[in-house]
């Protein structure tokens, strides 16, 4: 399933307009991630996924995570306002969107290694 947040395509299982999905659907699960393995030339950019489980269910290639040298990539999407954050900005935001103030799930830090490497 696919939705669009702002002008950004978001693919996932039961994904909604705030990027919540079949795996994570609390009020604070409003972040989507691009993966470095999923740039699509026909869309002039990256596809975003609500979570790693959605990504892995919908693609047929190994998942790549962001390494520190690419933390300036706008690879995180706020599902509340559609702002694209750099990986660095997301990691430093204190679990709230710096653009709109929407609260992100603070538990995401527990599995950040699924999205970003060392």
PDB file of N, CA and C in Angstrom:
ATOM      1  N   UNK A   1       0.837  -1.166   0.000  1.00  0.00           N
ATOM      2  CA  UNK A   1       0.000   0.000   0.000  1.00  0.00           C
ATOM      3  C   UNK A   1       0.890   1.239   0.000  1.00  0.00           C
ATOM      4  N   UNK A   2       0.429   2.307  -0.624  1.00  0.00           N
ATOM      5  CA  UNK A   2       1.207   3.541  -0.680  1.00  0.00           C
ATOM      6  C   UNK A   2       0.313   4.728  -0.375  1.00  0.00           C
ATOM      7  N   UNK A   3       0.893   5.701   0.310  1.00  0.00           N
ATOM      8  CA  UNK A   3       0.243   6.986   0.544  1.00  0.00           C
ATOM      9  C   UNK A   3       1.263   8.069   0.237  1.00  0.00           C
ATOM     10  N   UNK A   4       0.833   9.298   0.235  1.00  0.00           N
ATOM     11  CA  UNK A   4       1.738  10.421   0.010  1.00  0.00           C
ATOM     12  C   UNK A   4       1.594  11.376   1.188  1.00  0.00           C
ATOM     13  N   UNK A   5       2.714  11.755   1.770  1.00  0.00           N
ATOM     14  CA  UNK A   5       2.739  12.727   2.860  1.00  0.00           C
ATOM     15  C   UNK A   5       3.480  13.941   2.328  1.00  0.00           C
ATOM     16  N   UNK A   6       2.775  15.057   2.185  1.00  0.00           N
ATOM     17  CA  UNK A   6       3.344  16.197   1.476  1.00  0.00           C
ATOM     18  C   UNK A   6       3.469  15.787   0.029  1.00  0.00           C
ATOM     19  N   UNK A   7       4.679  15.704  -0.466  1.00  0.00           N
ATOM     20  CA  UNK A   7       4.912  15.193  -1.820  1.00  0.00           C
ATOM     21  C   UNK A   7       5.781  13.942  -1.796  1.00  0.00           C
ATOM     22  N   UNK A   8       5.847  13.298  -0.636  1.00  0.00           N
ATOM     23  CA  UNK A   8       6.746  12.161  -0.438  1.00  0.00           C
ATOM     24  C   UNK A   8       5.959  10.852  -0.430  1.00  0.00           C
ATOM     25  N   UNK A   9       6.319   9.908  -1.310  1.00  0.00           N
ATOM     26  CA  UNK A   9       5.656   8.601  -1.291  1.00  0.00           C
ATOM     27  C   UNK A   9       6.093   7.776  -0.084  1.00  0.00           C
ATOM     28  N   UNK A  10       5.107   7.174   0.574  1.00  0.00           N
ATOM     29  CA  UNK A  10       5.375   6.314   1.729  1.00  0.00           C
ATOM     30  C   UNK A  10       4.698   4.979   1.465  1.00  0.00           C
ATOM     31  N   UNK A  11       5.484   3.907   1.474  1.00  0.00           N
ATOM     32  CA  UNK A  11       4.960   2.560   1.232  1.00  0.00           C
ATOM     33  C   UNK A  11       5.027   1.749   2.514  1.00  0.00           C
ATOM     34  N   UNK A  12       3.987   0.959   2.742  1.00  0.00           N
ATOM     35  CA  UNK A  12       3.997   0.124   3.927  1.00  0.00           C
ATOM     36  C   UNK A  12       2.767  -0.749   3.993  1.00  0.00           C
ATOM     37  N   UNK A  13       2.698  -1.560   5.023  1.00  0.00           N
ATOM     38  CA  UNK A  13       1.543  -2.419   5.251  1.00  0.00           C
ATOM     39  C   UNK A  13       0.532  -1.634   6.076  1.00  0.00           C
ATOM     40  N   UNK A  14      -0.632  -1.401   5.496  1.00  0.00           N
ATOM     41  CA  UNK A  14      -1.705  -0.632   6.142  1.00  0.00           C
ATOM     42  C   UNK A  14      -1.227   0.760   6.550  1.00  0.00           C
ATOM     43  N   UNK A  15      -0.411   1.396   5.707  1.00  0.00           N
ATOM     44  CA  UNK A  15       0.122   2.728   6.007  1.00  0.00           C
ATOM     45  C   UNK A  15      -0.976   3.780   5.852  1.00  0.00           C
ATOM     46  N   UNK A  16      -0.970   4.754   6.774  1.00  0.00           N
ATOM     47  CA  UNK A  16      -1.970   5.816   6.701  1.00  0.00           C
ATOM     48  C   UNK A  16      -1.305   7.162   6.404  1.00  0.00           C
ATOM     49  N   UNK A  17      -2.079   8.215   6.405  1.00  0.00           N
ATOM     50  CA  UNK A  17      -1.602   9.543   6.027  1.00  0.00           C
ATOM     51  C   UNK A  17      -0.638  10.153   7.043  1.00  0.00           C
ATOM     52  N   UNK A  18      -0.487   9.540   8.208  1.00  0.00           N
ATOM     53  CA  UNK A  18       0.471  10.015   9.215  1.00  0.00           C
ATOM     54  C   UNK A  18       1.664   9.062   9.340  1.00  0.00           C
ATOM     55  N   UNK A  19       1.789   8.134   8.435  1.00  0.00           N
ATOM     56  CA  UNK A  19       2.859   7.134   8.342  1.00  0.00           C
ATOM     57  C   UNK A  19       2.754   6.027   9.383  1.00  0.00           C
ATOM     58  N   UNK A  20       1.633   5.903  10.052  1.00  0.00           N
ATOM     59  CA  UNK A  20       1.433   4.761  10.940  1.00  0.00           C
ATOM     60  C   UNK A  20       1.187   3.533  10.072  1.00  0.00           C
ATOM     61  N   UNK A  21       1.530   2.358  10.602  1.00  0.00           N
ATOM     62  CA  UNK A  21       1.436   1.151   9.785  1.00  0.00           C
ATOM     63  C   UNK A  21       0.883  -0.018  10.592  1.00  0.00           C
ATOM     64  N   UNK A  22       0.861  -1.175   9.970  1.00  0.00           N
ATOM     65  CA  UNK A  22       0.362  -2.384  10.627  1.00  0.00           C
ATOM     66  C   UNK A  22       1.214  -2.777  11.832  1.00  0.00           C
ATOM     67  N   UNK A  23       2.477  -2.367  11.842  1.00  0.00           N
ATOM     68  CA  UNK A  23       3.389  -2.758  12.912  1.00  0.00           C
ATOM     69  C   UNK A  23       3.443  -1.743  14.052  1.00  0.00           C
ATOM     70  N   UNK A  24       3.322  -0.459  13.708  1.00  0.00           N
ATOM     71  CA  UNK A  24       3.441   0.623  14.687  1.00  0.00           C
ATOM     72  C   UNK A  24       2.352   1.648  14.411  1.00  0.00           C
ATOM     73  N   UNK A  25       1.403   1.763  15.338  1.00  0.00           N
ATOM     74  CA  UNK A  25       0.249   2.626  15.063  1.00  0.00           C
ATOM     75  C   UNK A  25      -0.204   3.446  16.265  1.00  0.00           C
ATOM     76  N   UNK A  26       0.720   3.769  17.175  1.00  0.00           N
ATOM     77  CA  UNK A  26       0.327   4.653  18.270  1.00  0.00           C
ATOM     78  C   UNK A  26       0.333   6.094  17.763  1.00  0.00           C
ATOM     79  N   UNK A  27      -0.188   6.997  18.560  1.00  0.00           N
ATOM     80  CA  UNK A  27      -0.229   8.416  18.180  1.00  0.00           C
ATOM     81  C   UNK A  27       1.160   8.976  17.892  1.00  0.00           C
ATOM     82  N   UNK A  28       2.180   8.390  18.494  1.00  0.00           N
ATOM     83  CA  UNK A  28       3.546   8.893  18.315  1.00  0.00           C
ATOM     84  C   UNK A  28       4.323   8.171  17.214  1.00  0.00           C
ATOM     85  N   UNK A  29       3.750   7.165  16.612  1.00  0.00           N
ATOM     86  CA  UNK A  29       4.428   6.443  15.525  1.00  0.00           C
ATOM     87  C   UNK A  29       4.168   7.164  14.208  1.00  0.00           C
ATOM     88  N   UNK A  30       4.783   8.338  14.080  1.00  0.00           N
ATOM     89  CA  UNK A  30       4.520   9.198  12.923  1.00  0.00           C
ATOM     90  C   UNK A  30       5.815   9.583  12.217  1.00  0.00           C
ATOM     91  N   UNK A  31       6.727   8.649  12.133  1.00  0.00           N
ATOM     92  CA  UNK A  31       7.993   8.861  11.441  1.00  0.00           C
ATOM     93  C   UNK A  31       8.130   7.796  10.370  1.00  0.00           C
ATOM     94  N   UNK A  32       8.594   8.203   9.210  1.00  0.00           N
ATOM     95  CA  UNK A  32       8.908   7.239   8.149  1.00  0.00           C
ATOM     96  C   UNK A  32      10.376   7.413   7.778  1.00  0.00           C
ATOM     97  N   UNK A  33      10.952   6.355   7.271  1.00  0.00           N
ATOM     98  CA  UNK A  33      12.376   6.348   6.959  1.00  0.00           C
ATOM     99  C   UNK A  33      12.615   5.984   5.500  1.00  0.00           C
ATOM    100  N   UNK A  34      13.584   6.655   4.902  1.00  0.00           N
ATOM    101  CA  UNK A  34      14.100   6.225   3.607  1.00  0.00           C
ATOM    102  C   UNK A  34      15.303   5.334   3.908  1.00  0.00           C
ATOM    103  N   UNK A  35      15.561   4.420   3.028  1.00  0.00           N
ATOM    104  CA  UNK A  35      16.715   3.546   3.174  1.00  0.00           C
ATOM    105  C   UNK A  35      17.651   3.808   2.003  1.00  0.00           C
ATOM    106  N   UNK A  36      18.966   3.781   2.223  1.00  0.00           N
ATOM    107  CA  UNK A  36      19.894   4.080   1.141  1.00  0.00           C
ATOM    108  C   UNK A  36      19.832   3.075  -0.010  1.00  0.00           C
ATOM    109  N   UNK A  37      19.209   1.938   0.220  1.00  0.00           N
ATOM    110  CA  UNK A  37      19.103   0.907  -0.814  1.00  0.00           C
ATOM    111  C   UNK A  37      17.895   1.112  -1.728  1.00  0.00           C
ATOM    112  N   UNK A  38      17.085   2.139  -1.488  1.00  0.00           N
ATOM    113  CA  UNK A  38      15.804   2.264  -2.196  1.00  0.00           C
ATOM    114  C   UNK A  38      15.621   3.559  -2.973  1.00  0.00           C
ATOM    115  N   UNK A  39      16.645   4.106  -3.551  1.00  0.00           N
ATOM    116  CA  UNK A  39      16.458   5.284  -4.391  1.00  0.00           C
ATOM    117  C   UNK A  39      15.817   4.846  -5.695  1.00  0.00           C
ATOM    118  N   UNK A  40      14.795   5.563  -6.125  1.00  0.00           N
ATOM    119  CA  UNK A  40      14.088   5.208  -7.353  1.00  0.00           C
ATOM    120  C   UNK A  40      14.189   6.356  -8.347  1.00  0.00           C
ATOM    121  N   UNK A  41      14.922   6.172  -9.435  1.00  0.00           N
ATOM    122  CA  UNK A  41      15.103   7.242 -10.417  1.00  0.00           C
ATOM    123  C   UNK A  41      13.790   7.782 -10.976  1.00  0.00           C
ATOM    124  N   UNK A  42      12.789   6.921 -11.144  1.00  0.00           N
ATOM    125  CA  UNK A  42      11.531   7.385 -11.723  1.00  0.00           C
ATOM    126  C   UNK A  42      10.792   8.346 -10.802  1.00  0.00           C
ATOM    127  N   UNK A  43      11.130   8.359  -9.523  1.00  0.00           N
ATOM    128  CA  UNK A  43      10.486   9.275  -8.585  1.00  0.00           C
ATOM    129  C   UNK A  43      11.431  10.378  -8.137  1.00  0.00           C
ATOM    130  N   UNK A  44      12.603  10.452  -8.757  1.00  0.00           N
ATOM    131  CA  UNK A  44      13.586  11.487  -8.437  1.00  0.00           C
ATOM    132  C   UNK A  44      13.859  11.581  -6.939  1.00  0.00           C
ATOM    133  N   UNK A  45      13.986  10.470  -6.314  1.00  0.00           N
ATOM    134  CA  UNK A  45      14.280  10.483  -4.887  1.00  0.00           C
ATOM    135  C   UNK A  45      14.035   9.144  -4.250  1.00  0.00           C
ATOM    136  N   UNK A  46      13.901   9.160  -2.960  1.00  0.00           N
ATOM    137  CA  UNK A  46      13.760   7.930  -2.197  1.00  0.00           C
ATOM    138  C   UNK A  46      12.317   7.678  -1.804  1.00  0.00           C
ATOM    139  N   UNK A  47      11.995   6.418  -1.712  1.00  0.00           N
ATOM    140  CA  UNK A  47      10.710   5.992  -1.170  1.00  0.00           C
ATOM    141  C   UNK A  47      10.897   5.860   0.337  1.00  0.00           C
ATOM    142  N   UNK A  48       9.896   6.242   1.087  1.00  0.00           N
ATOM    143  CA  UNK A  48       9.942   6.138   2.544  1.00  0.00           C
ATOM    144  C   UNK A  48       9.054   4.988   3.004  1.00  0.00           C
ATOM    145  N   UNK A  49       9.418   4.421   4.152  1.00  0.00           N
ATOM    146  CA  UNK A  49       8.676   3.310   4.758  1.00  0.00           C
ATOM    147  C   UNK A  49       8.427   3.644   6.225  1.00  0.00           C
ATOM    148  N   UNK A  50       7.263   3.302   6.764  1.00  0.00           N
ATOM    149  CA  UNK A  50       6.983   3.584   8.170  1.00  0.00           C
ATOM    150  C   UNK A  50       7.925   2.860   9.131  1.00  0.00           C
ATOM    151  N   UNK A  51       8.417   1.701   8.720  1.00  0.00           N
ATOM    152  CA  UNK A  51       9.312   0.948   9.599  1.00  0.00           C
ATOM    153  C   UNK A  51      10.123  -0.055   8.775  1.00  0.00           C
ATOM    154  N   UNK A  52      11.124  -0.610   9.409  1.00  0.00           N
ATOM    155  CA  UNK A  52      11.988  -1.603   8.759  1.00  0.00           C
ATOM    156  C   UNK A  52      11.188  -2.844   8.369  1.00  0.00           C
ATOM    157  N   UNK A  53      10.216  -3.233   9.191  1.00  0.00           N
ATOM    158  CA  UNK A  53       9.422  -4.426   8.880  1.00  0.00           C
ATOM    159  C   UNK A  53       8.599  -4.210   7.611  1.00  0.00           C
ATOM    160  N   UNK A  54       8.044  -3.024   7.425  1.00  0.00           N
ATOM    161  CA  UNK A  54       7.318  -2.730   6.180  1.00  0.00           C
ATOM    162  C   UNK A  54       8.274  -2.787   4.994  1.00  0.00           C
ATOM    163  N   UNK A  55       9.440  -2.164   5.132  1.00  0.00           N
ATOM    164  CA  UNK A  55      10.437  -2.195   4.062  1.00  0.00           C
ATOM    165  C   UNK A  55      10.759  -3.632   3.681  1.00  0.00           C
ATOM    166  N   UNK A  56      11.097  -4.440   4.669  1.00  0.00           N
ATOM    167  CA  UNK A  56      11.518  -5.808   4.395  1.00  0.00           C
ATOM    168  C   UNK A  56      10.402  -6.655   3.785  1.00  0.00           C
ATOM    169  N   UNK A  57       9.152  -6.337   4.111  1.00  0.00           N
ATOM    170  CA  UNK A  57       8.021  -7.085   3.556  1.00  0.00           C
ATOM    171  C   UNK A  57       7.750  -6.728   2.096  1.00  0.00           C
ATOM    172  N   UNK A  58       8.178  -5.539   1.676  1.00  0.00           N
ATOM    173  CA  UNK A  58       7.802  -5.056   0.349  1.00  0.00           C
ATOM    174  C   UNK A  58       8.919  -5.046  -0.682  1.00  0.00           C
ATOM    175  N   UNK A  59      10.148  -5.259  -0.268  1.00  0.00           N
ATOM    176  CA  UNK A  59      11.258  -5.245  -1.223  1.00  0.00           C
ATOM    177  C   UNK A  59      11.916  -6.614  -1.287  1.00  0.00           C
ATOM    178  N   UNK A  60      12.687  -6.809  -2.337  1.00  0.00           N
ATOM    179  CA  UNK A  60      13.362  -8.096  -2.523  1.00  0.00           C
ATOM    180  C   UNK A  60      14.870  -7.927  -2.605  1.00  0.00           C
ATOM    181  N   UNK A  61      15.402  -7.043  -1.804  1.00  0.00           N
ATOM    182  CA  UNK A  61      16.849  -6.841  -1.770  1.00  0.00           C
ATOM    183  C   UNK A  61      17.288  -6.679  -0.314  1.00  0.00           C
ATOM    184  N   UNK A  62      18.569  -6.846  -0.055  1.00  0.00           N
ATOM    185  CA  UNK A  62      19.070  -6.657   1.311  1.00  0.00           C
ATOM    186  C   UNK A  62      18.874  -5.204   1.757  1.00  0.00           C
ATOM    187  N   UNK A  63      18.610  -5.025   3.014  1.00  0.00           N
ATOM    188  CA  UNK A  63      18.405  -3.689   3.567  1.00  0.00           C
ATOM    189  C   UNK A  63      19.739  -3.063   3.926  1.00  0.00           C
ATOM    190  N   UNK A  64      19.910  -1.826   3.526  1.00  0.00           N
ATOM    191  CA  UNK A  64      21.095  -1.057   3.907  1.00  0.00           C
ATOM    192  C   UNK A  64      20.676  -0.001   4.926  1.00  0.00           C
ATOM    193  N   UNK A  65      21.558   0.289   5.872  1.00  0.00           N
ATOM    194  CA  UNK A  65      21.303   1.340   6.851  1.00  0.00           C
ATOM    195  C   UNK A  65      22.201   2.538   6.544  1.00  0.00           C
ATOM    196  N   UNK A  66      21.879   3.674   7.148  1.00  0.00           N
ATOM    197  CA  UNK A  66      22.661   4.893   6.934  1.00  0.00           C
ATOM    198  C   UNK A  66      23.927   4.844   7.770  1.00  0.00           C
ATOM    199  N   UNK A  67      25.070   5.127   7.143  1.00  0.00           N
ATOM    200  CA  UNK A  67      26.288   5.225   7.934  1.00  0.00           C
ATOM    201  C   UNK A  67      26.559   6.701   8.236  1.00  0.00           C
ATOM    202  N   UNK A  68      27.402   6.928   9.203  1.00  0.00           N
ATOM    203  CA  UNK A  68      27.652   8.282   9.703  1.00  0.00           C
ATOM    204  C   UNK A  68      28.010   9.271   8.594  1.00  0.00           C
ATOM    205  N   UNK A  69      28.692   8.838   7.573  1.00  0.00           N
ATOM    206  CA  UNK A  69      29.089   9.757   6.501  1.00  0.00           C
ATOM    207  C   UNK A  69      27.892  10.276   5.711  1.00  0.00           C
ATOM    208  N   UNK A  70      26.732   9.666   5.893  1.00  0.00           N
ATOM    209  CA  UNK A  70      25.528  10.102   5.178  1.00  0.00           C
ATOM    210  C   UNK A  70      24.432  10.624   6.110  1.00  0.00           C
ATOM    211  N   UNK A  71      24.789  11.004   7.318  1.00  0.00           N
ATOM    212  CA  UNK A  71      23.784  11.500   8.260  1.00  0.00           C
ATOM    213  C   UNK A  71      23.216  12.856   7.850  1.00  0.00           C
ATOM    214  N   UNK A  72      23.762  13.465   6.793  1.00  0.00           N
ATOM    215  CA  UNK A  72      23.200  14.722   6.285  1.00  0.00           C
ATOM    216  C   UNK A  72      22.090  14.479   5.258  1.00  0.00           C
ATOM    217  N   UNK A  73      21.772  13.229   4.972  1.00  0.00           N
ATOM    218  CA  UNK A  73      20.677  12.896   4.050  1.00  0.00           C
ATOM    219  C   UNK A  73      19.331  13.165   4.720  1.00  0.00           C
ATOM    220  N   UNK A  74      18.399  13.724   3.968  1.00  0.00           N
ATOM    221  CA  UNK A  74      17.038  13.968   4.474  1.00  0.00           C
ATOM    222  C   UNK A  74      16.253  12.660   4.338  1.00  0.00           C
ATOM    223  N   UNK A  75      16.498  11.769   5.276  1.00  0.00           N
ATOM    224  CA  UNK A  75      15.995  10.398   5.188  1.00  0.00           C
ATOM    225  C   UNK A  75      14.922  10.068   6.214  1.00  0.00           C
ATOM    226  N   UNK A  76      14.450  11.070   6.941  1.00  0.00           N
ATOM    227  CA  UNK A  76      13.417  10.857   7.954  1.00  0.00           C
ATOM    228  C   UNK A  76      12.273  11.822   7.667  1.00  0.00           C
ATOM    229  N   UNK A  77      11.062  11.304   7.708  1.00  0.00           N
ATOM    230  CA  UNK A  77       9.877  12.091   7.365  1.00  0.00           C
ATOM    231  C   UNK A  77       8.943  12.192   8.562  1.00  0.00           C
ATOM    232  N   UNK A  78       8.543  13.415   8.902  1.00  0.00           N
ATOM    233  CA  UNK A  78       7.541  13.609   9.950  1.00  0.00           C
ATOM    234  C   UNK A  78       6.169  13.370   9.343  1.00  0.00           C
ATOM    235  N   UNK A  79       5.436  12.436   9.898  1.00  0.00           N
ATOM    236  CA  UNK A  79       4.107  12.119   9.393  1.00  0.00           C
ATOM    237  C   UNK A  79       3.058  13.149   9.758  1.00  0.00           C
ATOM    238  N   UNK A  80       3.372  14.058  10.673  1.00  0.00           N
ATOM    239  CA  UNK A  80       2.415  15.100  11.060  1.00  0.00           C
ATOM    240  C   UNK A  80       2.443  16.275  10.094  1.00  0.00           C
ATOM    241  N   UNK A  81       3.648  16.736   9.736  1.00  0.00           N
ATOM    242  CA  UNK A  81       3.741  17.937   8.894  1.00  0.00           C
ATOM    243  C   UNK A  81       4.390  17.704   7.536  1.00  0.00           C
ATOM    244  N   UNK A  82       5.009  16.540   7.330  1.00  0.00           N
ATOM    245  CA  UNK A  82       5.637  16.244   6.048  1.00  0.00           C
ATOM    246  C   UNK A  82       7.048  16.767   5.897  1.00  0.00           C
ATOM    247  N   UNK A  83       7.630  17.305   6.965  1.00  0.00           N
ATOM    248  CA  UNK A  83       9.007  17.793   6.906  1.00  0.00           C
ATOM    249  C   UNK A  83       9.970  16.621   6.794  1.00  0.00           C
ATOM    250  N   UNK A  84      10.948  16.772   5.898  1.00  0.00           N
ATOM    251  CA  UNK A  84      12.019  15.779   5.780  1.00  0.00           C
ATOM    252  C   UNK A  84      13.192  16.243   6.616  1.00  0.00           C
ATOM    253  N   UNK A  85      13.622  15.393   7.529  1.00  0.00           N
ATOM    254  CA  UNK A  85      14.732  15.700   8.422  1.00  0.00           C
ATOM    255  C   UNK A  85      15.974  14.943   7.989  1.00  0.00           C
ATOM    256  N   UNK A  86      17.129  15.528   8.257  1.00  0.00           N
ATOM    257  CA  UNK A  86      18.351  14.759   8.071  1.00  0.00           C
ATOM    258  C   UNK A  86      18.410  13.708   9.172  1.00  0.00           C
ATOM    259  N   UNK A  87      19.221  12.700   8.952  1.00  0.00           N
ATOM    260  CA  UNK A  87      19.401  11.679   9.983  1.00  0.00           C
ATOM    261  C   UNK A  87      19.928  12.336  11.256  1.00  0.00           C
ATOM    262  N   UNK A  88      20.908  13.240  11.115  1.00  0.00           N
ATOM    263  CA  UNK A  88      21.445  13.949  12.280  1.00  0.00           C
ATOM    264  C   UNK A  88      20.364  14.710  13.033  1.00  0.00           C
ATOM    265  N   UNK A  89      19.528  15.450  12.305  1.00  0.00           N
ATOM    266  CA  UNK A  89      18.469  16.238  12.950  1.00  0.00           C
ATOM    267  C   UNK A  89      17.501  15.327  13.698  1.00  0.00           C
ATOM    268  N   UNK A  90      17.175  14.190  13.110  1.00  0.00           N
ATOM    269  CA  UNK A  90      16.277  13.244  13.778  1.00  0.00           C
ATOM    270  C   UNK A  90      16.906  12.695  15.059  1.00  0.00           C
ATOM    271  N   UNK A  91      18.167  12.317  14.974  1.00  0.00           N
ATOM    272  CA  UNK A  91      18.834  11.749  16.146  1.00  0.00           C
ATOM    273  C   UNK A  91      18.983  12.769  17.270  1.00  0.00           C
ATOM    274  N   UNK A  92      19.004  14.059  16.916  1.00  0.00           N
ATOM    275  CA  UNK A  92      19.181  15.123  17.906  1.00  0.00           C
ATOM    276  C   UNK A  92      17.889  15.826  18.307  1.00  0.00           C
ATOM    277  N   UNK A  93      16.741  15.384  17.817  1.00  0.00           N
ATOM    278  CA  UNK A  93      15.502  16.156  17.989  1.00  0.00           C
ATOM    279  C   UNK A  93      14.801  15.952  19.323  1.00  0.00           C
ATOM    280  N   UNK A  94      15.239  15.027  20.138  1.00  0.00           N
ATOM    281  CA  UNK A  94      14.581  14.821  21.421  1.00  0.00           C
ATOM    282  C   UNK A  94      13.176  14.261  21.299  1.00  0.00           C
ATOM    283  N   UNK A  95      12.931  13.443  20.294  1.00  0.00           N
ATOM    284  CA  UNK A  95      11.639  12.773  20.079  1.00  0.00           C
ATOM    285  C   UNK A  95      10.487  13.727  19.782  1.00  0.00           C
ATOM    286  N   UNK A  96      10.792  14.832  19.103  1.00  0.00           N
ATOM    287  CA  UNK A  96       9.747  15.747  18.633  1.00  0.00           C
ATOM    288  C   UNK A  96      10.213  16.394  17.340  1.00  0.00           C
ATOM    289  N   UNK A  97       9.299  16.605  16.421  1.00  0.00           N
ATOM    290  CA  UNK A  97       9.646  17.228  15.147  1.00  0.00           C
ATOM    291  C   UNK A  97      10.110  18.663  15.388  1.00  0.00           C
ATOM    292  N   UNK A  98      11.294  19.026  14.901  1.00  0.00           N
ATOM    293  CA  UNK A  98      11.766  20.396  15.089  1.00  0.00           C
ATOM    294  C   UNK A  98      10.953  21.418  14.291  1.00  0.00           C
ATOM    295  N   UNK A  99      10.213  20.972  13.287  1.00  0.00           N
ATOM    296  CA  UNK A  99       9.419  21.898  12.477  1.00  0.00           C
ATOM    297  C   UNK A  99       8.044  22.170  13.072  1.00  0.00           C
ATOM    298  N   UNK A 100       7.355  21.123  13.535  1.00  0.00           N
ATOM    299  CA  UNK A 100       5.969  21.306  14.002  1.00  0.00           C
ATOM    300  C   UNK A 100       5.757  20.961  15.469  1.00  0.00           C
ATOM    301  N   UNK A 101       6.745  20.343  16.099  1.00  0.00           N
ATOM    302  CA  UNK A 101       6.630  19.994  17.510  1.00  0.00           C
ATOM    303  C   UNK A 101       5.898  18.696  17.806  1.00  0.00           C
ATOM    304  N   UNK A 102       5.426  17.991  16.774  1.00  0.00           N
ATOM    305  CA  UNK A 102       4.719  16.725  16.996  1.00  0.00           C
ATOM    306  C   UNK A 102       5.635  15.740  17.713  1.00  0.00           C
ATOM    307  N   UNK A 103       5.074  15.018  18.670  1.00  0.00           N
ATOM    308  CA  UNK A 103       5.846  14.060  19.460  1.00  0.00           C
ATOM    309  C   UNK A 103       6.078  12.781  18.670  1.00  0.00           C
ATOM    310  N   UNK A 104       7.332  12.334  18.651  1.00  0.00           N
ATOM    311  CA  UNK A 104       7.699  11.056  18.059  1.00  0.00           C
ATOM    312  C   UNK A 104       7.789  10.020  19.174  1.00  0.00           C
ATOM    313  N   UNK A 105       7.717   8.755  18.804  1.00  0.00           N
ATOM    314  CA  UNK A 105       7.807   7.670  19.773  1.00  0.00           C
ATOM    315  C   UNK A 105       9.226   7.617  20.346  1.00  0.00           C
ATOM    316  N   UNK A 106       9.398   7.892  21.644  1.00  0.00           N
ATOM    317  CA  UNK A 106      10.742   7.863  22.217  1.00  0.00           C
ATOM    318  C   UNK A 106      11.340   6.459  22.251  1.00  0.00           C
ATOM    319  N   UNK A 107      10.518   5.428  22.124  1.00  0.00           N
ATOM    320  CA  UNK A 107      11.007   4.055  22.115  1.00  0.00           C
ATOM    321  C   UNK A 107      11.773   3.689  20.855  1.00  0.00           C
ATOM    322  N   UNK A 108      11.679   4.525  19.828  1.00  0.00           N
ATOM    323  CA  UNK A 108      12.384   4.231  18.571  1.00  0.00           C
ATOM    324  C   UNK A 108      13.894   4.164  18.763  1.00  0.00           C
ATOM    325  N   UNK A 109      14.400   4.861  19.755  1.00  0.00           N
ATOM    326  CA  UNK A 109      15.834   4.830  20.006  1.00  0.00           C
ATOM    327  C   UNK A 109      16.307   3.412  20.325  1.00  0.00           C
ATOM    328  N   UNK A 110      15.415   2.592  20.844  1.00  0.00           N
ATOM    329  CA  UNK A 110      15.780   1.221  21.188  1.00  0.00           C
ATOM    330  C   UNK A 110      16.107   0.361  19.974  1.00  0.00           C
ATOM    331  N   UNK A 111      15.620   0.745  18.803  1.00  0.00           N
ATOM    332  CA  UNK A 111      15.921  -0.035  17.599  1.00  0.00           C
ATOM    333  C   UNK A 111      16.473   0.830  16.470  1.00  0.00           C
ATOM    334  N   UNK A 112      17.191   1.867  16.822  1.00  0.00           N
ATOM    335  CA  UNK A 112      17.769   2.749  15.808  1.00  0.00           C
ATOM    336  C   UNK A 112      18.777   2.023  14.917  1.00  0.00           C
ATOM    337  N   UNK A 113      19.383   0.947  15.419  1.00  0.00           N
ATOM    338  CA  UNK A 113      20.358   0.208  14.611  1.00  0.00           C
ATOM    339  C   UNK A 113      19.714  -0.439  13.382  1.00  0.00           C
ATOM    340  N   UNK A 114      18.395  -0.531  13.352  1.00  0.00           N
ATOM    341  CA  UNK A 114      17.711  -1.048  12.163  1.00  0.00           C
ATOM    342  C   UNK A 114      17.716  -0.035  11.026  1.00  0.00           C
ATOM    343  N   UNK A 115      18.023   1.230  11.349  1.00  0.00           N
ATOM    344  CA  UNK A 115      17.967   2.311  10.370  1.00  0.00           C
ATOM    345  C   UNK A 115      19.309   2.992  10.152  1.00  0.00           C
ATOM    346  N   UNK A 116      20.074   3.134  11.217  1.00  0.00           N
ATOM    347  CA  UNK A 116      21.365   3.813  11.106  1.00  0.00           C
ATOM    348  C   UNK A 116      22.465   2.944  11.684  1.00  0.00           C
ATOM    349  N   UNK A 117      23.594   2.970  11.011  1.00  0.00           N
ATOM    350  CA  UNK A 117      24.746   2.221  11.481  1.00  0.00           C
ATOM    351  C   UNK A 117      25.643   3.103  12.326  1.00  0.00           C
ATOM    352  N   UNK A 118      26.842   2.649  12.515  1.00  0.00           N
ATOM    353  CA  UNK A 118      27.791   3.391  13.359  1.00  0.00           C
ATOM    354  C   UNK A 118      28.406   4.549  12.622  1.00  0.00           C
TER     355      UNK A 118
END
